Amino acid sequence: MPSPRVLPAPGCRRTRTTRTRILEAARRELDRDPDSSLGDIAEAAGVSRRTVYGHFSGRSALVEGLVDDAAQALREALTAVALPAPDAATALARFVLTLWPVGDRYRMLLRLAPQDAERADVLAPVRDLATAIITEGRRQGVFHTRLPPPVLSRAVEAHVLALLDCVNTGTWTDDGTRTAAAALIAVGVDGDLAAAHVRRLRHPA
């Protein structure tokens, strides 16, 4: 006889729901104004400052909570990118298109805590998969560059993060399409071919 499923206590569910609401309000408010105070965030979340402090010891802890949420979202998104890939160029385009919405959602972290947003433990799975795709692309002969895959992976990462930060400043708008094509060009794919790879993913036959 299977053991009955143990449900979390109502108080625990309420605590998690409140924490999630605070983090979502923080994401919106800090995206609107990086100098938003905890009072602004509390008001946006519909809770008191005391409630915010009950979940987060201060602003840095709140930002750390957003970084952790971003890391979890990245891990979940990566499950949609499978390896080995028969076509590494398409795999890299899909990789960027899949991760772009997560990056776009949490791009305010680049203004608030760039070092935290780029911590090795946050981006390590992203770097590992990018390196694997680039290694495969080199093996297939579709990525033409003399840079070692780990170095090229970091270069592509910096390129994408820079474009996300340009969205913050209002100098770049994208849904991931142009960034995916730019990533392919950065690893040596012809511009027209890069655009075609992305177009096929965006508009499959």
N, C-alpha and C. Protein backbone atom coordinates (compact mmCIF):
# COMPACT_ATOMS: atom_id res chain seq x y z
N MET A 1 0.85 -1.19 0.00
CA MET A 1 0.00 0.00 0.00
C MET A 1 0.89 1.24 0.00
N PRO A 2 0.70 2.14 -0.99
CA PRO A 2 1.58 3.32 -1.06
C PRO A 2 1.36 4.24 0.12
N SER A 3 2.43 4.88 0.53
CA SER A 3 2.34 5.83 1.65
C SER A 3 1.57 7.06 1.21
N PRO A 4 0.73 7.59 2.10
CA PRO A 4 -0.01 8.80 1.74
C PRO A 4 0.94 9.97 1.52
N ARG A 5 0.59 10.81 0.52
CA ARG A 5 1.42 11.96 0.21
C ARG A 5 1.27 13.00 1.32
N VAL A 6 2.40 13.48 1.82
CA VAL A 6 2.39 14.47 2.88
C VAL A 6 2.36 15.85 2.26
N LEU A 7 1.31 16.59 2.50
CA LEU A 7 1.18 17.94 1.97
C LEU A 7 1.79 18.94 2.93
N PRO A 8 2.39 20.01 2.40
CA PRO A 8 2.94 21.03 3.29
C PRO A 8 1.86 21.69 4.10
N ALA A 9 2.19 22.08 5.30
CA ALA A 9 1.22 22.73 6.17
C ALA A 9 0.77 24.03 5.54
N PRO A 10 -0.48 24.45 5.80
CA PRO A 10 -0.98 25.71 5.23
C PRO A 10 -0.06 26.89 5.52
N GLY A 11 0.50 26.93 6.73
CA GLY A 11 1.40 28.04 7.07
C GLY A 11 2.63 28.07 6.19
N CYS A 12 3.17 26.87 5.87
CA CYS A 12 4.35 26.79 5.00
C CYS A 12 4.01 27.26 3.59
N ARG A 13 2.81 26.85 3.09
CA ARG A 13 2.40 27.28 1.76
C ARG A 13 2.23 28.79 1.71
N ARG A 14 1.65 29.36 2.75
CA ARG A 14 1.47 30.81 2.79
C ARG A 14 2.81 31.51 2.82
N THR A 15 3.76 30.96 3.57
CA THR A 15 5.09 31.56 3.65
C THR A 15 5.76 31.57 2.29
N ARG A 16 5.69 30.43 1.55
CA ARG A 16 6.30 30.36 0.23
C ARG A 16 5.60 31.31 -0.74
N THR A 17 4.27 31.39 -0.65
CA THR A 17 3.52 32.28 -1.54
C THR A 17 3.90 33.73 -1.29
N THR A 18 4.03 34.11 -0.03
CA THR A 18 4.41 35.49 0.29
C THR A 18 5.81 35.79 -0.20
N ARG A 19 6.73 34.86 0.02
CA ARG A 19 8.11 35.07 -0.45
C ARG A 19 8.15 35.23 -1.96
N THR A 20 7.39 34.39 -2.68
CA THR A 20 7.34 34.49 -4.13
C THR A 20 6.77 35.83 -4.57
N ARG A 21 5.72 36.29 -3.87
CA ARG A 21 5.12 37.59 -4.22
C ARG A 21 6.10 38.73 -4.00
N ILE A 22 6.86 38.65 -2.93
CA ILE A 22 7.86 39.70 -2.65
C ILE A 22 8.94 39.70 -3.72
N LEU A 23 9.42 38.53 -4.10
CA LEU A 23 10.46 38.45 -5.13
C LEU A 23 9.96 38.95 -6.48
N GLU A 24 8.72 38.63 -6.82
CA GLU A 24 8.18 39.09 -8.09
C GLU A 24 8.02 40.61 -8.08
N ALA A 25 7.56 41.15 -6.96
CA ALA A 25 7.45 42.60 -6.84
C ALA A 25 8.82 43.25 -6.91
N ALA A 26 9.81 42.64 -6.29
CA ALA A 26 11.18 43.16 -6.33
C ALA A 26 11.71 43.16 -7.74
N ARG A 27 11.45 42.08 -8.48
CA ARG A 27 11.92 42.02 -9.87
C ARG A 27 11.33 43.15 -10.70
N ARG A 28 10.03 43.38 -10.54
CA ARG A 28 9.37 44.44 -11.32
C ARG A 28 9.86 45.82 -10.90
N GLU A 29 9.92 46.06 -9.60
CA GLU A 29 10.28 47.39 -9.11
C GLU A 29 11.75 47.72 -9.42
N LEU A 30 12.63 46.75 -9.26
CA LEU A 30 14.04 47.00 -9.51
C LEU A 30 14.32 47.12 -11.00
N ASP A 31 13.49 46.50 -11.81
CA ASP A 31 13.60 46.69 -13.25
C ASP A 31 13.16 48.11 -13.62
N ARG A 32 12.11 48.58 -12.95
CA ARG A 32 11.62 49.93 -13.20
C ARG A 32 12.59 50.98 -12.68
N ASP A 33 13.12 50.73 -11.48
CA ASP A 33 14.03 51.68 -10.84
C ASP A 33 15.02 50.91 -9.97
N PRO A 34 16.29 50.83 -10.38
CA PRO A 34 17.27 50.06 -9.60
C PRO A 34 17.45 50.58 -8.18
N ASP A 35 17.02 51.81 -7.90
CA ASP A 35 17.17 52.38 -6.56
C ASP A 35 15.91 52.20 -5.71
N SER A 36 14.98 51.38 -6.18
CA SER A 36 13.76 51.14 -5.39
C SER A 36 14.13 50.64 -4.00
N SER A 37 13.43 51.18 -3.01
CA SER A 37 13.70 50.80 -1.62
C SER A 37 12.90 49.57 -1.23
N LEU A 38 13.24 49.02 -0.08
CA LEU A 38 12.46 47.89 0.43
C LEU A 38 11.03 48.32 0.72
N GLY A 39 10.85 49.58 1.08
CA GLY A 39 9.50 50.09 1.28
C GLY A 39 8.71 50.09 -0.02
N ASP A 40 9.35 50.50 -1.12
CA ASP A 40 8.70 50.47 -2.43
C ASP A 40 8.31 49.05 -2.80
N ILE A 41 9.23 48.13 -2.54
CA ILE A 41 8.97 46.73 -2.90
C ILE A 41 7.86 46.15 -2.03
N ALA A 42 7.88 46.47 -0.74
CA ALA A 42 6.83 45.99 0.15
C ALA A 42 5.47 46.49 -0.32
N GLU A 43 5.39 47.77 -0.68
CA GLU A 43 4.12 48.34 -1.14
C GLU A 43 3.65 47.66 -2.42
N ALA A 44 4.59 47.41 -3.35
CA ALA A 44 4.23 46.75 -4.61
C ALA A 44 3.76 45.32 -4.37
N ALA A 45 4.32 44.67 -3.35
CA ALA A 45 3.94 43.29 -3.03
C ALA A 45 2.67 43.22 -2.19
N GLY A 46 2.24 44.35 -1.68
CA GLY A 46 1.05 44.37 -0.84
C GLY A 46 1.28 43.82 0.55
N VAL A 47 2.52 44.01 1.05
CA VAL A 47 2.85 43.55 2.40
C VAL A 47 3.56 44.69 3.13
N SER A 48 3.80 44.49 4.41
CA SER A 48 4.51 45.49 5.20
C SER A 48 6.02 45.30 5.09
N ARG A 49 6.77 46.35 5.43
CA ARG A 49 8.23 46.22 5.46
C ARG A 49 8.63 45.12 6.44
N ARG A 50 7.90 45.02 7.53
CA ARG A 50 8.23 43.99 8.52
C ARG A 50 8.12 42.59 7.90
N THR A 51 7.11 42.40 7.04
CA THR A 51 6.96 41.10 6.39
C THR A 51 8.14 40.83 5.46
N VAL A 52 8.56 41.87 4.72
CA VAL A 52 9.73 41.69 3.84
C VAL A 52 10.94 41.27 4.66
N TYR A 53 11.16 41.96 5.81
CA TYR A 53 12.32 41.62 6.65
C TYR A 53 12.16 40.24 7.28
N GLY A 54 10.93 39.76 7.37
CA GLY A 54 10.73 38.41 7.88
C GLY A 54 11.23 37.34 6.93
N HIS A 55 11.34 37.70 5.64
CA HIS A 55 11.82 36.76 4.62
C HIS A 55 13.25 37.05 4.18
N PHE A 56 13.63 38.32 4.21
CA PHE A 56 14.95 38.73 3.73
C PHE A 56 15.56 39.71 4.73
N SER A 57 16.80 39.49 5.08
CA SER A 57 17.45 40.32 6.11
C SER A 57 17.72 41.74 5.63
N GLY A 58 17.70 41.95 4.32
CA GLY A 58 17.96 43.27 3.77
C GLY A 58 17.95 43.23 2.26
N ARG A 59 18.34 44.33 1.66
CA ARG A 59 18.32 44.44 0.20
C ARG A 59 19.24 43.42 -0.47
N SER A 60 20.44 43.22 0.08
CA SER A 60 21.37 42.28 -0.54
C SER A 60 20.82 40.86 -0.50
N ALA A 61 20.14 40.51 0.58
CA ALA A 61 19.54 39.18 0.67
C ALA A 61 18.40 39.02 -0.34
N LEU A 62 17.67 40.11 -0.56
CA LEU A 62 16.58 40.09 -1.53
C LEU A 62 17.14 39.90 -2.94
N VAL A 63 18.21 40.61 -3.26
CA VAL A 63 18.85 40.45 -4.58
C VAL A 63 19.38 39.03 -4.72
N GLU A 64 19.96 38.50 -3.64
CA GLU A 64 20.45 37.12 -3.67
C GLU A 64 19.31 36.14 -3.96
N GLY A 65 18.13 36.43 -3.41
CA GLY A 65 16.97 35.60 -3.71
C GLY A 65 16.61 35.62 -5.18
N LEU A 66 16.72 36.80 -5.80
CA LEU A 66 16.46 36.92 -7.24
C LEU A 66 17.51 36.15 -8.04
N VAL A 67 18.77 36.22 -7.61
CA VAL A 67 19.84 35.48 -8.29
C VAL A 67 19.55 33.98 -8.21
N ASP A 68 19.13 33.51 -7.06
CA ASP A 68 18.82 32.08 -6.90
C ASP A 68 17.65 31.67 -7.80
N ASP A 69 16.63 32.54 -7.88
CA ASP A 69 15.50 32.26 -8.76
C ASP A 69 15.94 32.19 -10.22
N ALA A 70 16.82 33.12 -10.61
CA ALA A 70 17.33 33.12 -11.98
C ALA A 70 18.11 31.85 -12.27
N ALA A 71 18.91 31.41 -11.31
CA ALA A 71 19.69 30.18 -11.49
C ALA A 71 18.78 28.98 -11.68
N GLN A 72 17.71 28.90 -10.90
CA GLN A 72 16.76 27.80 -11.04
C GLN A 72 16.06 27.84 -12.39
N ALA A 73 15.68 29.03 -12.84
CA ALA A 73 15.02 29.17 -14.13
C ALA A 73 15.96 28.75 -15.26
N LEU A 74 17.25 29.09 -15.14
CA LEU A 74 18.23 28.68 -16.15
C LEU A 74 18.35 27.16 -16.20
N ARG A 75 18.43 26.53 -15.03
CA ARG A 75 18.56 25.07 -14.99
C ARG A 75 17.35 24.41 -15.66
N GLU A 76 16.17 24.92 -15.39
CA GLU A 76 14.96 24.35 -15.99
C GLU A 76 14.94 24.55 -17.50
N ALA A 77 15.36 25.74 -17.95
CA ALA A 77 15.37 26.02 -19.39
C ALA A 77 16.35 25.12 -20.13
N LEU A 78 17.48 24.80 -19.50
CA LEU A 78 18.50 24.00 -20.16
C LEU A 78 18.03 22.59 -20.49
N THR A 79 17.02 22.11 -19.79
CA THR A 79 16.53 20.75 -20.07
C THR A 79 15.93 20.64 -21.47
N ALA A 80 15.60 21.80 -22.09
CA ALA A 80 15.02 21.77 -23.43
C ALA A 80 16.08 21.71 -24.52
N VAL A 81 17.36 21.83 -24.14
CA VAL A 81 18.45 21.81 -25.12
C VAL A 81 19.16 20.47 -25.02
N ALA A 82 18.97 19.63 -26.03
CA ALA A 82 19.48 18.26 -25.97
C ALA A 82 20.81 18.13 -26.72
N LEU A 83 21.65 17.28 -26.19
CA LEU A 83 22.90 16.90 -26.85
C LEU A 83 22.99 15.36 -26.84
N PRO A 84 23.69 14.75 -27.81
CA PRO A 84 24.40 15.38 -28.93
C PRO A 84 23.42 15.92 -29.97
N ALA A 85 23.86 16.92 -30.72
CA ALA A 85 23.01 17.56 -31.72
C ALA A 85 23.53 17.23 -33.10
N PRO A 86 22.65 16.78 -34.00
CA PRO A 86 23.10 16.47 -35.36
C PRO A 86 23.55 17.72 -36.11
N ASP A 87 23.04 18.86 -35.71
CA ASP A 87 23.41 20.13 -36.34
C ASP A 87 23.76 21.12 -35.24
N ALA A 88 25.05 21.33 -35.01
CA ALA A 88 25.49 22.16 -33.89
C ALA A 88 25.07 23.62 -34.06
N ALA A 89 25.00 24.11 -35.29
CA ALA A 89 24.59 25.50 -35.51
C ALA A 89 23.15 25.71 -35.06
N THR A 90 22.27 24.78 -35.41
CA THR A 90 20.89 24.87 -34.96
C THR A 90 20.81 24.71 -33.45
N ALA A 91 21.65 23.83 -32.89
CA ALA A 91 21.66 23.63 -31.44
C ALA A 91 22.06 24.90 -30.71
N LEU A 92 23.06 25.61 -31.22
CA LEU A 92 23.49 26.85 -30.56
C LEU A 92 22.42 27.92 -30.67
N ALA A 93 21.77 28.01 -31.83
CA ALA A 93 20.67 28.97 -31.98
C ALA A 93 19.54 28.65 -31.02
N ARG A 94 19.18 27.36 -30.92
CA ARG A 94 18.12 26.96 -29.99
C ARG A 94 18.52 27.26 -28.55
N PHE A 95 19.78 27.04 -28.24
CA PHE A 95 20.32 27.32 -26.90
C PHE A 95 20.09 28.79 -26.53
N VAL A 96 20.45 29.71 -27.43
CA VAL A 96 20.29 31.14 -27.13
C VAL A 96 18.81 31.51 -27.07
N LEU A 97 18.02 31.01 -28.02
CA LEU A 97 16.59 31.34 -28.03
C LEU A 97 15.88 30.82 -26.77
N THR A 98 16.32 29.67 -26.28
CA THR A 98 15.70 29.08 -25.08
C THR A 98 16.05 29.86 -23.83
N LEU A 99 17.30 30.32 -23.75
CA LEU A 99 17.75 31.01 -22.54
C LEU A 99 17.42 32.50 -22.55
N TRP A 100 17.20 33.08 -23.73
CA TRP A 100 16.96 34.52 -23.80
C TRP A 100 15.80 34.98 -22.91
N PRO A 101 14.63 34.31 -22.90
CA PRO A 101 13.54 34.79 -22.04
C PRO A 101 13.92 34.83 -20.57
N VAL A 102 14.73 33.87 -20.12
CA VAL A 102 15.18 33.89 -18.72
C VAL A 102 16.10 35.08 -18.49
N GLY A 103 17.05 35.25 -19.40
CA GLY A 103 17.95 36.38 -19.28
C GLY A 103 17.22 37.71 -19.32
N ASP A 104 16.22 37.80 -20.20
CA ASP A 104 15.46 39.04 -20.32
C ASP A 104 14.66 39.31 -19.05
N ARG A 105 14.12 38.26 -18.45
CA ARG A 105 13.32 38.42 -17.23
C ARG A 105 14.16 38.92 -16.06
N TYR A 106 15.39 38.46 -15.98
CA TYR A 106 16.24 38.79 -14.83
C TYR A 106 17.39 39.73 -15.20
N ARG A 107 17.28 40.43 -16.32
CA ARG A 107 18.41 41.26 -16.76
C ARG A 107 18.69 42.42 -15.82
N MET A 108 17.73 42.80 -14.98
CA MET A 108 18.00 43.90 -14.03
C MET A 108 19.13 43.54 -13.08
N LEU A 109 19.41 42.24 -12.92
CA LEU A 109 20.50 41.83 -12.04
C LEU A 109 21.85 42.31 -12.54
N LEU A 110 21.96 42.53 -13.85
CA LEU A 110 23.22 43.03 -14.40
C LEU A 110 23.52 44.44 -13.92
N ARG A 111 22.46 45.19 -13.58
CA ARG A 111 22.67 46.54 -13.05
C ARG A 111 22.83 46.52 -11.54
N LEU A 112 22.20 45.55 -10.89
CA LEU A 112 22.18 45.53 -9.42
C LEU A 112 23.38 44.81 -8.84
N ALA A 113 23.69 43.66 -9.40
CA ALA A 113 24.76 42.83 -8.82
C ALA A 113 25.45 42.05 -9.92
N PRO A 114 26.19 42.75 -10.80
CA PRO A 114 26.80 42.04 -11.93
C PRO A 114 27.69 40.89 -11.52
N GLN A 115 28.41 41.01 -10.39
CA GLN A 115 29.27 39.90 -9.98
C GLN A 115 28.43 38.72 -9.52
N ASP A 116 27.34 38.99 -8.78
CA ASP A 116 26.48 37.89 -8.35
C ASP A 116 25.79 37.25 -9.54
N ALA A 117 25.35 38.09 -10.49
CA ALA A 117 24.63 37.56 -11.65
C ALA A 117 25.52 36.69 -12.52
N GLU A 118 26.83 36.88 -12.41
CA GLU A 118 27.75 36.13 -13.24
C GLU A 118 28.53 35.09 -12.41
N ARG A 119 28.06 34.77 -11.20
CA ARG A 119 28.77 33.81 -10.36
C ARG A 119 28.92 32.48 -11.08
N ALA A 120 30.05 31.81 -10.85
CA ALA A 120 30.32 30.54 -11.52
C ALA A 120 29.23 29.52 -11.24
N ASP A 121 28.70 29.48 -10.01
CA ASP A 121 27.71 28.46 -9.69
C ASP A 121 26.37 28.75 -10.34
N VAL A 122 26.13 29.99 -10.77
CA VAL A 122 24.90 30.32 -11.46
C VAL A 122 25.01 29.96 -12.94
N LEU A 123 26.11 30.34 -13.55
CA LEU A 123 26.24 30.17 -14.99
C LEU A 123 27.04 28.93 -15.40
N ALA A 124 27.55 28.18 -14.45
CA ALA A 124 28.36 27.00 -14.80
C ALA A 124 27.62 26.02 -15.72
N PRO A 125 26.35 25.67 -15.45
CA PRO A 125 25.68 24.74 -16.37
C PRO A 125 25.52 25.32 -17.77
N VAL A 126 25.30 26.65 -17.85
CA VAL A 126 25.17 27.31 -19.14
C VAL A 126 26.50 27.24 -19.89
N ARG A 127 27.58 27.53 -19.18
CA ARG A 127 28.90 27.50 -19.81
C ARG A 127 29.26 26.10 -20.27
N ASP A 128 28.95 25.10 -19.45
CA ASP A 128 29.29 23.72 -19.80
C ASP A 128 28.57 23.30 -21.08
N LEU A 129 27.27 23.63 -21.17
CA LEU A 129 26.51 23.23 -22.35
C LEU A 129 26.95 24.00 -23.59
N ALA A 130 27.22 25.30 -23.42
CA ALA A 130 27.71 26.09 -24.55
C ALA A 130 29.03 25.54 -25.06
N THR A 131 29.92 25.18 -24.14
CA THR A 131 31.21 24.61 -24.53
C THR A 131 31.02 23.29 -25.28
N ALA A 132 30.08 22.46 -24.81
CA ALA A 132 29.82 21.18 -25.47
C ALA A 132 29.29 21.40 -26.89
N ILE A 133 28.38 22.36 -27.05
CA ILE A 133 27.82 22.64 -28.38
C ILE A 133 28.91 23.16 -29.31
N ILE A 134 29.74 24.06 -28.79
CA ILE A 134 30.81 24.63 -29.62
C ILE A 134 31.83 23.56 -29.99
N THR A 135 32.15 22.69 -29.05
CA THR A 135 33.08 21.59 -29.34
C THR A 135 32.53 20.72 -30.45
N GLU A 136 31.23 20.41 -30.38
CA GLU A 136 30.60 19.60 -31.42
C GLU A 136 30.58 20.35 -32.76
N GLY A 137 30.33 21.65 -32.71
CA GLY A 137 30.34 22.44 -33.93
C GLY A 137 31.71 22.47 -34.59
N ARG A 138 32.75 22.53 -33.76
CA ARG A 138 34.10 22.46 -34.30
C ARG A 138 34.34 21.09 -34.96
N ARG A 139 33.87 20.04 -34.30
CA ARG A 139 34.05 18.69 -34.85
C ARG A 139 33.32 18.54 -36.17
N GLN A 140 32.13 19.14 -36.26
CA GLN A 140 31.33 19.06 -37.49
C GLN A 140 31.86 19.98 -38.59
N GLY A 141 32.74 20.90 -38.21
CA GLY A 141 33.28 21.82 -39.19
C GLY A 141 32.39 23.00 -39.53
N VAL A 142 31.37 23.26 -38.69
CA VAL A 142 30.45 24.36 -38.97
C VAL A 142 30.82 25.64 -38.22
N PHE A 143 31.67 25.50 -37.16
CA PHE A 143 32.14 26.67 -36.44
C PHE A 143 33.61 26.88 -36.79
N HIS A 144 33.90 27.93 -37.50
CA HIS A 144 35.24 28.17 -38.00
C HIS A 144 35.93 29.24 -37.15
N THR A 145 36.69 28.82 -36.20
CA THR A 145 37.42 29.75 -35.34
C THR A 145 38.61 29.03 -34.74
N ARG A 146 39.66 29.78 -34.45
CA ARG A 146 40.85 29.19 -33.86
C ARG A 146 40.79 29.20 -32.33
N LEU A 147 39.79 29.85 -31.75
CA LEU A 147 39.71 29.92 -30.29
C LEU A 147 39.29 28.57 -29.73
N PRO A 148 39.88 28.14 -28.60
CA PRO A 148 39.45 26.89 -27.95
C PRO A 148 37.98 27.02 -27.51
N PRO A 149 37.22 25.93 -27.54
CA PRO A 149 35.80 25.99 -27.18
C PRO A 149 35.50 26.65 -25.83
N PRO A 150 36.25 26.36 -24.75
CA PRO A 150 35.92 27.04 -23.48
C PRO A 150 36.09 28.55 -23.55
N VAL A 151 37.10 28.99 -24.30
CA VAL A 151 37.33 30.43 -24.46
C VAL A 151 36.22 31.04 -25.31
N LEU A 152 35.88 30.38 -26.38
CA LEU A 152 34.82 30.89 -27.26
C LEU A 152 33.48 30.90 -26.54
N SER A 153 33.24 29.90 -25.70
CA SER A 153 32.02 29.87 -24.90
C SER A 153 31.90 31.10 -24.00
N ARG A 154 33.00 31.46 -23.34
CA ARG A 154 32.98 32.64 -22.48
C ARG A 154 32.79 33.92 -23.30
N ALA A 155 33.35 33.94 -24.50
CA ALA A 155 33.19 35.11 -25.36
C ALA A 155 31.73 35.28 -25.79
N VAL A 156 31.08 34.17 -26.15
CA VAL A 156 29.67 34.22 -26.53
C VAL A 156 28.82 34.64 -25.34
N GLU A 157 29.15 34.10 -24.16
CA GLU A 157 28.43 34.47 -22.93
C GLU A 157 28.52 35.98 -22.69
N ALA A 158 29.73 36.51 -22.79
CA ALA A 158 29.91 37.95 -22.56
C ALA A 158 29.14 38.76 -23.60
N HIS A 159 29.10 38.26 -24.82
CA HIS A 159 28.38 38.93 -25.90
C HIS A 159 26.88 39.00 -25.58
N VAL A 160 26.32 37.87 -25.16
CA VAL A 160 24.88 37.83 -24.85
C VAL A 160 24.56 38.70 -23.64
N LEU A 161 25.40 38.63 -22.59
CA LEU A 161 25.17 39.47 -21.41
C LEU A 161 25.25 40.95 -21.76
N ALA A 162 26.16 41.30 -22.66
CA ALA A 162 26.27 42.69 -23.08
C ALA A 162 25.02 43.15 -23.81
N LEU A 163 24.45 42.28 -24.63
CA LEU A 163 23.23 42.63 -25.34
C LEU A 163 22.06 42.76 -24.37
N LEU A 164 22.00 41.89 -23.35
CA LEU A 164 20.97 42.02 -22.33
C LEU A 164 21.10 43.35 -21.59
N ASP A 165 22.33 43.76 -21.31
CA ASP A 165 22.53 45.03 -20.63
C ASP A 165 22.16 46.20 -21.54
N CYS A 166 22.33 46.02 -22.84
CA CYS A 166 21.90 47.05 -23.79
C CYS A 166 20.37 47.19 -23.78
N VAL A 167 19.66 46.10 -23.51
CA VAL A 167 18.21 46.19 -23.34
C VAL A 167 17.91 47.06 -22.12
N ASN A 168 18.70 46.88 -21.06
CA ASN A 168 18.52 47.71 -19.86
C ASN A 168 18.65 49.19 -20.19
N THR A 169 19.59 49.53 -21.04
CA THR A 169 19.86 50.94 -21.34
C THR A 169 18.98 51.47 -22.47
N GLY A 170 18.18 50.59 -23.07
CA GLY A 170 17.29 51.02 -24.14
C GLY A 170 17.95 51.13 -25.50
N THR A 171 19.16 50.62 -25.65
CA THR A 171 19.86 50.71 -26.93
C THR A 171 19.71 49.45 -27.78
N TRP A 172 18.97 48.46 -27.27
CA TRP A 172 18.80 47.18 -27.99
C TRP A 172 17.45 46.61 -27.62
N THR A 173 16.72 46.14 -28.60
CA THR A 173 15.47 45.42 -28.36
C THR A 173 15.53 44.12 -29.13
N ASP A 174 15.05 43.07 -28.51
CA ASP A 174 15.12 41.77 -29.16
C ASP A 174 14.23 40.78 -28.44
N ASP A 175 13.78 39.77 -29.17
CA ASP A 175 13.08 38.65 -28.55
C ASP A 175 13.97 37.42 -28.52
N GLY A 176 15.25 37.65 -28.78
CA GLY A 176 16.23 36.57 -28.82
C GLY A 176 16.66 36.22 -30.23
N THR A 177 15.87 36.63 -31.23
CA THR A 177 16.15 36.25 -32.61
C THR A 177 17.48 36.84 -33.10
N ARG A 178 17.64 38.14 -32.95
CA ARG A 178 18.88 38.77 -33.44
C ARG A 178 20.08 38.33 -32.62
N THR A 179 19.87 38.10 -31.32
CA THR A 179 20.97 37.66 -30.47
C THR A 179 21.43 36.25 -30.84
N ALA A 180 20.48 35.38 -31.15
CA ALA A 180 20.84 34.02 -31.57
C ALA A 180 21.66 34.06 -32.85
N ALA A 181 21.25 34.89 -33.81
CA ALA A 181 22.00 35.01 -35.06
C ALA A 181 23.39 35.59 -34.79
N ALA A 182 23.45 36.57 -33.89
CA ALA A 182 24.75 37.18 -33.55
C ALA A 182 25.68 36.16 -32.91
N ALA A 183 25.14 35.27 -32.07
CA ALA A 183 25.96 34.23 -31.43
C ALA A 183 26.53 33.29 -32.48
N LEU A 184 25.73 32.93 -33.48
CA LEU A 184 26.23 32.06 -34.54
C LEU A 184 27.33 32.75 -35.35
N ILE A 185 27.13 34.01 -35.64
CA ILE A 185 28.16 34.75 -36.38
C ILE A 185 29.45 34.81 -35.56
N ALA A 186 29.30 34.96 -34.24
CA ALA A 186 30.49 35.05 -33.37
C ALA A 186 31.32 33.78 -33.40
N VAL A 187 30.69 32.62 -33.67
CA VAL A 187 31.46 31.37 -33.71
C VAL A 187 31.87 31.00 -35.13
N GLY A 188 31.62 31.91 -36.08
CA GLY A 188 32.14 31.71 -37.42
C GLY A 188 31.15 31.30 -38.48
N VAL A 189 29.84 31.33 -38.17
CA VAL A 189 28.83 30.97 -39.16
C VAL A 189 28.55 32.20 -40.04
N ASP A 190 28.41 31.97 -41.33
CA ASP A 190 28.08 33.05 -42.26
C ASP A 190 26.78 33.74 -41.83
N GLY A 191 26.72 35.05 -42.01
CA GLY A 191 25.57 35.82 -41.54
C GLY A 191 24.25 35.37 -42.12
N ASP A 192 24.19 35.15 -43.41
CA ASP A 192 22.94 34.70 -44.04
C ASP A 192 22.54 33.31 -43.55
N LEU A 193 23.54 32.44 -43.39
CA LEU A 193 23.26 31.09 -42.91
C LEU A 193 22.80 31.13 -41.46
N ALA A 194 23.41 32.01 -40.66
CA ALA A 194 22.99 32.16 -39.26
C ALA A 194 21.54 32.59 -39.18
N ALA A 195 21.17 33.57 -39.99
CA ALA A 195 19.78 34.05 -40.00
C ALA A 195 18.83 32.93 -40.42
N ALA A 196 19.26 32.10 -41.37
CA ALA A 196 18.41 31.01 -41.84
C ALA A 196 18.19 29.97 -40.74
N HIS A 197 19.23 29.65 -39.98
CA HIS A 197 19.09 28.70 -38.87
C HIS A 197 18.07 29.21 -37.86
N VAL A 198 18.17 30.47 -37.51
CA VAL A 198 17.26 31.05 -36.52
C VAL A 198 15.84 31.11 -37.08
N ARG A 199 15.73 31.47 -38.33
CA ARG A 199 14.41 31.57 -38.97
C ARG A 199 13.71 30.23 -38.98
N ARG A 200 14.45 29.15 -39.24
CA ARG A 200 13.84 27.82 -39.25
C ARG A 200 13.31 27.43 -37.86
N LEU A 201 14.04 27.86 -36.82
CA LEU A 201 13.59 27.56 -35.47
C LEU A 201 12.35 28.40 -35.09
N ARG A 202 12.35 29.64 -35.52
CA ARG A 202 11.23 30.53 -35.20
C ARG A 202 9.98 30.18 -36.01
N HIS A 203 10.21 29.72 -37.25
CA HIS A 203 9.07 29.42 -38.15
C HIS A 203 9.27 28.06 -38.79
N PRO A 204 9.14 26.98 -38.00
CA PRO A 204 9.34 25.63 -38.57
C PRO A 204 8.31 25.34 -39.66
N ALA A 205 8.73 24.58 -40.64
CA ALA A 205 7.84 24.26 -41.76
C ALA A 205 6.71 23.34 -41.29
